[in-house]
Amino acid sequence: SKTAGHPEHGITPGVETTTGPLGQGITNAVGFALA
C-alpha cells in the first residue's frame, strides 16, 4: 500500500522524507531549510 506504518519517501506522493527513527525528521528538516 502507499500508506506504510511510517511515511515512506518515494512511495507516497507528498511525503518529503522517510521518518520513523525519531529525531531524524527534525534533522532532515534542518537540511531542507539549509538548502
PDB file of all heavy atoms in Angstrom:
ATOM      1  N   SER A   1       0.850  -1.189   0.000  1.00  0.00           N
ATOM      2  CA  SER A   1       0.000   0.000   0.000  1.00  0.00           C
ATOM      3  C   SER A   1       0.889   1.244   0.000  1.00  0.00           C
ATOM      4  O   SER A   1       2.091   1.166   0.253  1.00  0.00           O
ATOM      5  CB  SER A   1      -0.918   0.025   1.226  1.00  0.00           C
ATOM      6  OG  SER A   1      -0.189   0.392   2.383  1.00  0.00           O
ATOM      7  N   LYS A   2       0.280   2.388  -0.289  1.00  0.00           N
ATOM      8  CA  LYS A   2       1.006   3.660  -0.234  1.00  0.00           C
ATOM      9  C   LYS A   2       0.932   4.284   1.159  1.00  0.00           C
ATOM     10  O   LYS A   2       1.334   5.433   1.346  1.00  0.00           O
ATOM     11  CB  LYS A   2       0.439   4.632  -1.269  1.00  0.00           C
ATOM     12  CG  LYS A   2       0.709   4.226  -2.710  1.00  0.00           C
ATOM     13  CD  LYS A   2       0.170   5.267  -3.674  1.00  0.00           C
ATOM     14  CE  LYS A   2       0.442   4.874  -5.123  1.00  0.00           C
ATOM     15  NZ  LYS A   2      -0.090   5.886  -6.076  1.00  0.00           N
ATOM     16  N   THR A   3       0.393   3.519   2.097  1.00  0.00           N
ATOM     17  CA  THR A   3       0.233   4.030   3.463  1.00  0.00           C
ATOM     18  C   THR A   3       0.925   3.081   4.441  1.00  0.00           C
ATOM     19  O   THR A   3       0.285   2.359   5.203  1.00  0.00           O
ATOM     20  CB  THR A   3      -1.260   4.178   3.810  1.00  0.00           C
ATOM     21  OG1 THR A   3      -1.942   2.958   3.462  1.00  0.00           O
ATOM     22  CG2 THR A   3      -1.883   5.319   3.033  1.00  0.00           C
ATOM     23  N   ALA A   4       2.235   3.080   4.372  1.00  0.00           N
ATOM     24  CA  ALA A   4       3.031   2.232   5.258  1.00  0.00           C
ATOM     25  C   ALA A   4       2.896   2.697   6.706  1.00  0.00           C
ATOM     26  O   ALA A   4       2.378   3.781   6.986  1.00  0.00           O
ATOM     27  CB  ALA A   4       4.490   2.269   4.822  1.00  0.00           C
ATOM     28  N   GLY A   5       3.392   1.885   7.612  1.00  0.00           N
ATOM     29  CA  GLY A   5       3.282   2.219   9.028  1.00  0.00           C
ATOM     30  C   GLY A   5       3.927   3.543   9.377  1.00  0.00           C
ATOM     31  O   GLY A   5       3.465   4.261  10.261  1.00  0.00           O
ATOM     32  N   HIS A   6       5.009   3.862   8.698  1.00  0.00           N
ATOM     33  CA  HIS A   6       5.661   5.165   8.837  1.00  0.00           C
ATOM     34  C   HIS A   6       5.801   5.762   7.441  1.00  0.00           C
ATOM     35  O   HIS A   6       5.919   5.031   6.463  1.00  0.00           O
ATOM     36  CB  HIS A   6       7.027   5.029   9.507  1.00  0.00           C
ATOM     37  CG  HIS A   6       6.950   4.611  10.941  1.00  0.00           C
ATOM     38  ND1 HIS A   6       6.768   3.290  11.322  1.00  0.00           N
ATOM     39  CD2 HIS A   6       7.001   5.321  12.097  1.00  0.00           C
ATOM     40  CE1 HIS A   6       6.720   3.220  12.650  1.00  0.00           C
ATOM     41  NE2 HIS A   6       6.855   4.442  13.146  1.00  0.00           N
ATOM     42  N   PRO A   7       5.790   7.082   7.317  1.00  0.00           N
ATOM     43  CA  PRO A   7       5.836   7.700   5.982  1.00  0.00           C
ATOM     44  C   PRO A   7       7.085   7.290   5.206  1.00  0.00           C
ATOM     45  O   PRO A   7       8.194   7.293   5.753  1.00  0.00           O
ATOM     46  CB  PRO A   7       5.858   9.201   6.296  1.00  0.00           C
ATOM     47  CG  PRO A   7       5.258   9.317   7.662  1.00  0.00           C
ATOM     48  CD  PRO A   7       5.690   8.077   8.385  1.00  0.00           C
ATOM     49  N   GLU A   8       6.897   6.926   3.942  1.00  0.00           N
ATOM     50  CA  GLU A   8       7.995   6.458   3.101  1.00  0.00           C
ATOM     51  C   GLU A   8       8.142   7.362   1.890  1.00  0.00           C
ATOM     52  O   GLU A   8       7.247   7.449   1.042  1.00  0.00           O
ATOM     53  CB  GLU A   8       7.737   5.016   2.637  1.00  0.00           C
ATOM     54  CG  GLU A   8       7.608   4.001   3.763  1.00  0.00           C
ATOM     55  CD  GLU A   8       8.933   3.575   4.360  1.00  0.00           C
ATOM     56  OE1 GLU A   8       9.979   4.030   3.850  1.00  0.00           O
ATOM     57  OE2 GLU A   8       8.932   2.794   5.320  1.00  0.00           O
ATOM     58  N   HIS A   9       9.291   8.019   1.791  1.00  0.00           N
ATOM     59  CA  HIS A   9       9.574   8.854   0.628  1.00  0.00           C
ATOM     60  C   HIS A   9       9.699   7.985  -0.622  1.00  0.00           C
ATOM     61  O   HIS A   9      10.291   6.915  -0.599  1.00  0.00           O
ATOM     62  CB  HIS A   9      10.881   9.615   0.845  1.00  0.00           C
ATOM     63  CG  HIS A   9      11.343  10.376  -0.366  1.00  0.00           C
ATOM     64  ND1 HIS A   9      10.744  11.538  -0.774  1.00  0.00           N
ATOM     65  CD2 HIS A   9      12.338  10.118  -1.257  1.00  0.00           C
ATOM     66  CE1 HIS A   9      11.351  11.984  -1.864  1.00  0.00           C
ATOM     67  NE2 HIS A   9      12.313  11.138  -2.172  1.00  0.00           N
ATOM     68  N   GLY A  10       9.122   8.466  -1.717  1.00  0.00           N
ATOM     69  CA  GLY A  10       9.200   7.730  -2.967  1.00  0.00           C
ATOM     70  C   GLY A  10       8.080   6.740  -3.158  1.00  0.00           C
ATOM     71  O   GLY A  10       7.942   6.150  -4.237  1.00  0.00           O
ATOM     72  N   ILE A  11       7.284   6.533  -2.132  1.00  0.00           N
ATOM     73  CA  ILE A  11       6.140   5.623  -2.214  1.00  0.00           C
ATOM     74  C   ILE A  11       4.839   6.396  -2.166  1.00  0.00           C
ATOM     75  O   ILE A  11       3.924   6.141  -2.957  1.00  0.00           O
ATOM     76  CB  ILE A  11       6.197   4.582  -1.077  1.00  0.00           C
ATOM     77  CG1 ILE A  11       7.396   3.651  -1.278  1.00  0.00           C
ATOM     78  CG2 ILE A  11       4.897   3.779  -1.001  1.00  0.00           C
ATOM     79  CD1 ILE A  11       7.591   2.641  -0.178  1.00  0.00           C
ATOM     80  N   THR A  12       4.766   7.348  -1.272  1.00  0.00           N
ATOM     81  CA  THR A  12       3.545   8.129  -1.078  1.00  0.00           C
ATOM     82  C   THR A  12       3.743   9.540  -1.601  1.00  0.00           C
ATOM     83  O   THR A  12       4.642  10.252  -1.132  1.00  0.00           O
ATOM     84  CB  THR A  12       3.185   8.195   0.416  1.00  0.00           C
ATOM     85  OG1 THR A  12       3.287   6.889   0.982  1.00  0.00           O
ATOM     86  CG2 THR A  12       1.775   8.731   0.610  1.00  0.00           C
ATOM     87  N   PRO A  13       2.930   9.982  -2.569  1.00  0.00           N
ATOM     88  CA  PRO A  13       3.082  11.355  -3.070  1.00  0.00           C
ATOM     89  C   PRO A  13       2.857  12.368  -1.960  1.00  0.00           C
ATOM     90  O   PRO A  13       1.910  12.257  -1.183  1.00  0.00           O
ATOM     91  CB  PRO A  13       1.997  11.460  -4.156  1.00  0.00           C
ATOM     92  CG  PRO A  13       1.026  10.368  -3.855  1.00  0.00           C
ATOM     93  CD  PRO A  13       1.812   9.269  -3.223  1.00  0.00           C
ATOM     94  N   GLY A  14       3.752  13.334  -1.867  1.00  0.00           N
ATOM     95  CA  GLY A  14       3.649  14.358  -0.833  1.00  0.00           C
ATOM     96  C   GLY A  14       4.489  14.085   0.392  1.00  0.00           C
ATOM     97  O   GLY A  14       4.648  14.973   1.235  1.00  0.00           O
ATOM     98  N   VAL A  15       5.029  12.886   0.520  1.00  0.00           N
ATOM     99  CA  VAL A  15       5.901  12.568   1.649  1.00  0.00           C
ATOM    100  C   VAL A  15       7.322  12.986   1.287  1.00  0.00           C
ATOM    101  O   VAL A  15       7.930  12.418   0.373  1.00  0.00           O
ATOM    102  CB  VAL A  15       5.843  11.070   2.005  1.00  0.00           C
ATOM    103  CG1 VAL A  15       6.913  10.723   3.041  1.00  0.00           C
ATOM    104  CG2 VAL A  15       4.466  10.708   2.537  1.00  0.00           C
ATOM    105  N   GLU A  16       7.857  13.971   1.983  1.00  0.00           N
ATOM    106  CA  GLU A  16       9.144  14.557   1.627  1.00  0.00           C
ATOM    107  C   GLU A  16      10.339  13.737   2.102  1.00  0.00           C
ATOM    108  O   GLU A  16      11.414  13.793   1.514  1.00  0.00           O
ATOM    109  CB  GLU A  16       9.259  15.971   2.208  1.00  0.00           C
ATOM    110  CG  GLU A  16       8.204  16.959   1.725  1.00  0.00           C
ATOM    111  CD  GLU A  16       8.453  17.464   0.314  1.00  0.00           C
ATOM    112  OE1 GLU A  16       9.420  17.008  -0.332  1.00  0.00           O
ATOM    113  OE2 GLU A  16       7.673  18.320  -0.148  1.00  0.00           O
ATOM    114  N   THR A  17      10.158  12.987   3.177  1.00  0.00           N
ATOM    115  CA  THR A  17      11.252  12.181   3.706  1.00  0.00           C
ATOM    116  C   THR A  17      10.689  11.025   4.504  1.00  0.00           C
ATOM    117  O   THR A  17       9.598  11.118   5.075  1.00  0.00           O
ATOM    118  CB  THR A  17      12.193  13.023   4.594  1.00  0.00           C
ATOM    119  OG1 THR A  17      13.252  12.187   5.094  1.00  0.00           O
ATOM    120  CG2 THR A  17      11.465  13.649   5.774  1.00  0.00           C
ATOM    121  N   THR A  18      11.431   9.934   4.540  1.00  0.00           N
ATOM    122  CA  THR A  18      11.035   8.777   5.337  1.00  0.00           C
ATOM    123  C   THR A  18      11.339   9.060   6.800  1.00  0.00           C
ATOM    124  O   THR A  18      12.474   9.385   7.152  1.00  0.00           O
ATOM    125  CB  THR A  18      11.795   7.529   4.877  1.00  0.00           C
ATOM    126  OG1 THR A  18      11.460   7.260   3.510  1.00  0.00           O
ATOM    127  CG2 THR A  18      11.433   6.319   5.725  1.00  0.00           C
ATOM    128  N   THR A  19      10.327   8.951   7.632  1.00  0.00           N
ATOM    129  CA  THR A  19      10.532   9.171   9.067  1.00  0.00           C
ATOM    130  C   THR A  19      10.003   7.987   9.852  1.00  0.00           C
ATOM    131  O   THR A  19       9.110   7.283   9.420  1.00  0.00           O
ATOM    132  CB  THR A  19       9.840  10.460   9.544  1.00  0.00           C
ATOM    133  OG1 THR A  19       8.468  10.444   9.130  1.00  0.00           O
ATOM    134  CG2 THR A  19      10.517  11.691   8.969  1.00  0.00           C
ATOM    135  N   GLY A  20      10.562   7.792  10.977  1.00  0.00           N
ATOM    136  CA  GLY A  20      10.255   6.662  11.840  1.00  0.00           C
ATOM    137  C   GLY A  20      11.267   6.651  12.965  1.00  0.00           C
ATOM    138  O   GLY A  20      10.913   6.799  14.142  1.00  0.00           O
ATOM    139  N   PRO A  21      12.576   6.528  12.625  1.00  0.00           N
ATOM    140  CA  PRO A  21      13.589   6.693  13.672  1.00  0.00           C
ATOM    141  C   PRO A  21      13.526   8.128  14.209  1.00  0.00           C
ATOM    142  O   PRO A  21      13.839   9.076  13.492  1.00  0.00           O
ATOM    143  CB  PRO A  21      14.899   6.433  12.922  1.00  0.00           C
ATOM    144  CG  PRO A  21      14.510   5.641  11.721  1.00  0.00           C
ATOM    145  CD  PRO A  21      13.162   6.148  11.336  1.00  0.00           C
ATOM    146  N   LEU A  22      13.107   8.271  15.436  1.00  0.00           N
ATOM    147  CA  LEU A  22      12.809   9.604  15.967  1.00  0.00           C
ATOM    148  C   LEU A  22      14.051  10.497  15.996  1.00  0.00           C
ATOM    149  O   LEU A  22      15.161  10.048  16.245  1.00  0.00           O
ATOM    150  CB  LEU A  22      12.203   9.488  17.360  1.00  0.00           C
ATOM    151  CG  LEU A  22      10.834   8.817  17.410  1.00  0.00           C
ATOM    152  CD1 LEU A  22      10.345   8.661  18.846  1.00  0.00           C
ATOM    153  CD2 LEU A  22       9.810   9.589  16.582  1.00  0.00           C
ATOM    154  N   GLY A  23      13.822  11.769  15.746  1.00  0.00           N
ATOM    155  CA  GLY A  23      14.886  12.756  15.745  1.00  0.00           C
ATOM    156  C   GLY A  23      15.465  13.020  14.372  1.00  0.00           C
ATOM    157  O   GLY A  23      16.004  14.098  14.122  1.00  0.00           O
ATOM    158  N   GLN A  24      15.371  12.052  13.477  1.00  0.00           N
ATOM    159  CA  GLN A  24      15.953  12.267  12.154  1.00  0.00           C
ATOM    160  C   GLN A  24      15.104  13.199  11.302  1.00  0.00           C
ATOM    161  O   GLN A  24      15.624  13.915  10.445  1.00  0.00           O
ATOM    162  CB  GLN A  24      16.176  10.940  11.436  1.00  0.00           C
ATOM    163  CG  GLN A  24      17.328  10.155  12.025  1.00  0.00           C
ATOM    164  CD  GLN A  24      17.868   9.090  11.098  1.00  0.00           C
ATOM    165  OE1 GLN A  24      18.250   9.356   9.970  1.00  0.00           O
ATOM    166  NE2 GLN A  24      17.874   7.866  11.585  1.00  0.00           N
ATOM    167  N   GLY A  25      13.784  13.210  11.516  1.00  0.00           N
ATOM    168  CA  GLY A  25      12.930  14.089  10.735  1.00  0.00           C
ATOM    169  C   GLY A  25      13.252  15.555  10.969  1.00  0.00           C
ATOM    170  O   GLY A  25      13.391  16.332  10.015  1.00  0.00           O
ATOM    171  N   ILE A  26      13.389  15.966  12.225  1.00  0.00           N
ATOM    172  CA  ILE A  26      13.734  17.355  12.519  1.00  0.00           C
ATOM    173  C   ILE A  26      15.104  17.681  11.933  1.00  0.00           C
ATOM    174  O   ILE A  26      15.342  18.795  11.444  1.00  0.00           O
ATOM    175  CB  ILE A  26      13.692  17.651  14.049  1.00  0.00           C
ATOM    176  CG1 ILE A  26      14.195  19.069  14.369  1.00  0.00           C
ATOM    177  CG2 ILE A  26      14.473  16.648  14.848  1.00  0.00           C
ATOM    178  CD1 ILE A  26      13.376  20.174  13.790  1.00  0.00           C
ATOM    179  N   THR A  27      16.005  16.710  11.933  1.00  0.00           N
ATOM    180  CA  THR A  27      17.336  16.935  11.376  1.00  0.00           C
ATOM    181  C   THR A  27      17.287  17.027   9.858  1.00  0.00           C
ATOM    182  O   THR A  27      17.978  17.858   9.245  1.00  0.00           O
ATOM    183  CB  THR A  27      18.301  15.832  11.837  1.00  0.00           C
ATOM    184  OG1 THR A  27      18.105  15.576  13.232  1.00  0.00           O
ATOM    185  CG2 THR A  27      19.744  16.245  11.630  1.00  0.00           C
ATOM    186  N   ASN A  28      16.486  16.170   9.219  1.00  0.00           N
ATOM    187  CA  ASN A  28      16.250  16.316   7.780  1.00  0.00           C
ATOM    188  C   ASN A  28      15.703  17.700   7.471  1.00  0.00           C
ATOM    189  O   ASN A  28      16.092  18.348   6.488  1.00  0.00           O
ATOM    190  CB  ASN A  28      15.245  15.282   7.278  1.00  0.00           C
ATOM    191  CG  ASN A  28      15.704  13.845   7.340  1.00  0.00           C
ATOM    192  OD1 ASN A  28      14.888  12.937   7.257  1.00  0.00           O
ATOM    193  ND2 ASN A  28      16.990  13.619   7.486  1.00  0.00           N
ATOM    194  N   ALA A  29      14.779  18.163   8.305  1.00  0.00           N
ATOM    195  CA  ALA A  29      14.158  19.473   8.087  1.00  0.00           C
ATOM    196  C   ALA A  29      15.202  20.584   8.131  1.00  0.00           C
ATOM    197  O   ALA A  29      15.121  21.556   7.370  1.00  0.00           O
ATOM    198  CB  ALA A  29      13.070  19.721   9.126  1.00  0.00           C
ATOM    199  N   VAL A  30      16.182  20.445   9.008  1.00  0.00           N
ATOM    200  CA  VAL A  30      17.276  21.417   9.039  1.00  0.00           C
ATOM    201  C   VAL A  30      18.010  21.407   7.695  1.00  0.00           C
ATOM    202  O   VAL A  30      18.374  22.459   7.157  1.00  0.00           O
ATOM    203  CB  VAL A  30      18.240  21.115  10.205  1.00  0.00           C
ATOM    204  CG1 VAL A  30      19.499  21.972  10.109  1.00  0.00           C
ATOM    205  CG2 VAL A  30      17.541  21.352  11.542  1.00  0.00           C
ATOM    206  N   GLY A  31      18.205  20.214   7.132  1.00  0.00           N
ATOM    207  CA  GLY A  31      18.829  20.113   5.820  1.00  0.00           C
ATOM    208  C   GLY A  31      17.998  20.764   4.732  1.00  0.00           C
ATOM    209  O   GLY A  31      18.535  21.454   3.844  1.00  0.00           O
ATOM    210  N   PHE A  32      16.671  20.561   4.772  1.00  0.00           N
ATOM    211  CA  PHE A  32      15.779  21.221   3.814  1.00  0.00           C
ATOM    212  C   PHE A  32      15.933  22.738   3.903  1.00  0.00           C
ATOM    213  O   PHE A  32      16.066  23.431   2.887  1.00  0.00           O
ATOM    214  CB  PHE A  32      14.321  20.861   4.121  1.00  0.00           C
ATOM    215  CG  PHE A  32      13.871  19.515   3.603  1.00  0.00           C
ATOM    216  CD1 PHE A  32      13.520  18.502   4.480  1.00  0.00           C
ATOM    217  CD2 PHE A  32      13.767  19.279   2.244  1.00  0.00           C
ATOM    218  CE1 PHE A  32      13.092  17.274   4.021  1.00  0.00           C
ATOM    219  CE2 PHE A  32      13.325  18.056   1.772  1.00  0.00           C
ATOM    220  CZ  PHE A  32      12.991  17.040   2.661  1.00  0.00           C
ATOM    221  N   ALA A  33      15.864  23.249   5.127  1.00  0.00           N
ATOM    222  CA  ALA A  33      15.916  24.699   5.324  1.00  0.00           C
ATOM    223  C   ALA A  33      17.266  25.273   4.919  1.00  0.00           C
ATOM    224  O   ALA A  33      17.345  26.385   4.375  1.00  0.00           O
ATOM    225  CB  ALA A  33      15.608  25.036   6.784  1.00  0.00           C
ATOM    226  N   LEU A  34      18.344  24.523   5.184  1.00  0.00           N
ATOM    227  CA  LEU A  34      19.669  24.976   4.773  1.00  0.00           C
ATOM    228  C   LEU A  34      19.761  25.051   3.250  1.00  0.00           C
ATOM    229  O   LEU A  34      20.261  26.029   2.684  1.00  0.00           O
ATOM    230  CB  LEU A  34      20.753  24.042   5.316  1.00  0.00           C
ATOM    231  CG  LEU A  34      22.183  24.373   4.877  1.00  0.00           C
ATOM    232  CD1 LEU A  34      22.617  25.722   5.425  1.00  0.00           C
ATOM    233  CD2 LEU A  34      23.144  23.268   5.319  1.00  0.00           C
ATOM    234  N   ALA A  35      19.264  24.014   2.582  1.00  0.00           N
ATOM    235  CA  ALA A  35      19.305  24.002   1.116  1.00  0.00           C
ATOM    236  C   ALA A  35      18.529  25.179   0.544  1.00  0.00           C
ATOM    237  O   ALA A  35      18.980  25.844  -0.410  1.00  0.00           O
ATOM    238  CB  ALA A  35      18.750  22.678   0.585  1.00  0.00           C
TER     239      ALA A  35
END
